[in-house]
């Protein structure tokens, strides 16, 4: 699909195929760009418009999922023990190694 769009940069179907391949690989932002280019070439193409909307929704969902993941990461960290009450090394002198 990349080669097709390079060889024939005004071939809308090449951008549709590229967008489909990128979507399948989970590269939604790149797919959105391919569909956007196709839309610029054929602004009244309803198929391309629908694919562009789907790609934009996938980009939004991926961004939301990323924010949720980051939020979950930080909230899990807040719930963990800070280490202030961590167990001391074992030994008769409390871990001071005779110092």
Protein backbone atom coordinates (compact mmCIF):
# COMPACT_ATOMS: atom_id res chain seq x y z
CA UNK A 1 0.00 0.00 0.00
CA UNK A 2 2.89 2.38 0.76
CA UNK A 3 4.43 1.67 -2.61
CA UNK A 4 1.08 2.12 -4.36
CA UNK A 5 0.58 5.56 -2.83
CA UNK A 6 4.14 6.56 -3.74
CA UNK A 7 3.80 5.36 -7.34
CA UNK A 8 0.29 6.75 -7.80
CA UNK A 9 -0.18 9.53 -5.23
CA UNK A 10 -3.64 10.46 -6.58
CA UNK A 11 -5.07 6.91 -6.45
CA UNK A 12 -7.67 7.00 -3.70
CA UNK A 13 -7.96 3.23 -3.47
CA UNK A 14 -4.27 3.05 -2.53
CA UNK A 15 -4.90 5.25 0.50
CA UNK A 16 -7.96 3.19 1.43
CA UNK A 17 -5.87 0.03 1.34
CA UNK A 18 -3.08 1.70 3.29
CA UNK A 19 -5.56 2.89 5.91
CA UNK A 20 -7.03 -0.60 6.19
CA UNK A 21 -3.62 -2.20 6.66
CA UNK A 22 -2.62 0.37 9.27
CA UNK A 23 -5.91 -0.11 11.11
CA UNK A 24 -5.35 -3.86 11.17
CA UNK A 25 -1.91 -3.24 12.72
CA UNK A 26 -3.41 -0.95 15.36
CA UNK A 27 -1.75 2.18 13.95
CA UNK A 28 -4.91 4.25 14.08
CA UNK A 29 -3.35 7.70 13.79
CA UNK A 30 -1.45 6.69 10.65
CA UNK A 31 -4.63 5.10 9.26
CA UNK A 32 -6.47 8.35 9.95
CA UNK A 33 -3.85 10.24 7.96
CA UNK A 34 -4.21 7.86 5.01
CA UNK A 35 -8.00 8.24 5.01
CA UNK A 36 -7.65 12.01 5.36
CA UNK A 37 -5.47 12.08 2.24
CA UNK A 38 -8.08 9.98 0.40
CA UNK A 39 -10.77 12.43 1.53
CA UNK A 40 -8.73 15.34 0.21
CA UNK A 41 -8.51 13.60 -3.17
CA UNK A 42 -12.22 12.69 -3.25
CA UNK A 43 -14.10 14.92 -0.80
CA UNK A 44 -17.53 13.50 -1.70
CA UNK A 45 -16.59 9.82 -1.40
CA UNK A 46 -18.92 8.47 1.30
CA UNK A 47 -16.90 5.27 1.80
CA UNK A 48 -13.77 7.27 2.57
CA UNK A 49 -15.71 9.62 4.84
CA UNK A 50 -17.03 6.65 6.84
CA UNK A 51 -13.56 5.09 7.10
CA UNK A 52 -12.12 8.42 8.25
CA UNK A 53 -14.79 8.70 10.98
CA UNK A 54 -14.02 5.15 12.14
CA UNK A 55 -10.29 5.91 12.25
CA UNK A 56 -10.89 9.13 14.19
CA UNK A 57 -13.02 7.21 16.70
CA UNK A 58 -10.27 4.59 17.05
CA UNK A 59 -7.70 7.35 17.68
CA UNK A 60 -9.96 8.88 20.36
CA UNK A 61 -10.56 5.50 22.00
CA UNK A 62 -6.84 4.70 22.00
CA UNK A 63 -6.12 8.07 23.60
CA UNK A 64 -8.78 7.48 26.26
CA UNK A 65 -7.46 3.98 26.93
CA UNK A 66 -3.98 5.43 27.30
CA UNK A 67 -5.20 8.04 29.77
CA UNK A 68 -7.06 5.37 31.73
CA UNK A 69 -3.94 3.21 31.81
CA UNK A 70 -1.83 6.13 33.03
CA UNK A 71 -4.46 7.03 35.63
CA UNK A 72 -4.58 3.41 36.81
CA UNK A 73 -0.79 3.32 37.00
CA UNK A 74 -0.65 6.35 39.26
CA UNK A 75 -3.60 5.30 41.41
CA UNK A 76 -2.02 1.87 42.01
CA UNK A 77 1.21 3.57 43.05
CA UNK A 78 -0.64 5.79 45.52
CA UNK A 79 -2.17 2.74 47.18
CA UNK A 80 1.15 0.96 47.62
CA UNK A 81 3.12 1.11 50.85
CA UNK A 82 5.61 3.97 50.87
CA UNK A 83 8.29 1.77 52.38
CA UNK A 84 8.49 3.71 55.61
CA UNK A 85 7.30 0.69 57.56
CA UNK A 86 9.44 -1.76 55.61
CA UNK A 87 10.79 -4.71 57.59
CA UNK A 88 14.28 -4.24 58.96
CA UNK A 89 17.08 -6.69 58.09
CA UNK A 90 17.17 -9.70 60.38
CA UNK A 91 19.96 -10.21 62.85
CA UNK A 92 20.63 -9.85 66.56
CA UNK A 93 21.75 -6.23 66.21
CA UNK A 94 18.88 -5.11 64.00
CA UNK A 95 21.02 -5.02 60.88
CA UNK A 96 23.66 -2.56 62.00
CA UNK A 97 26.43 -5.07 61.24
CA UNK A 98 28.24 -4.23 64.47
CA UNK A 99 28.56 -0.52 63.71
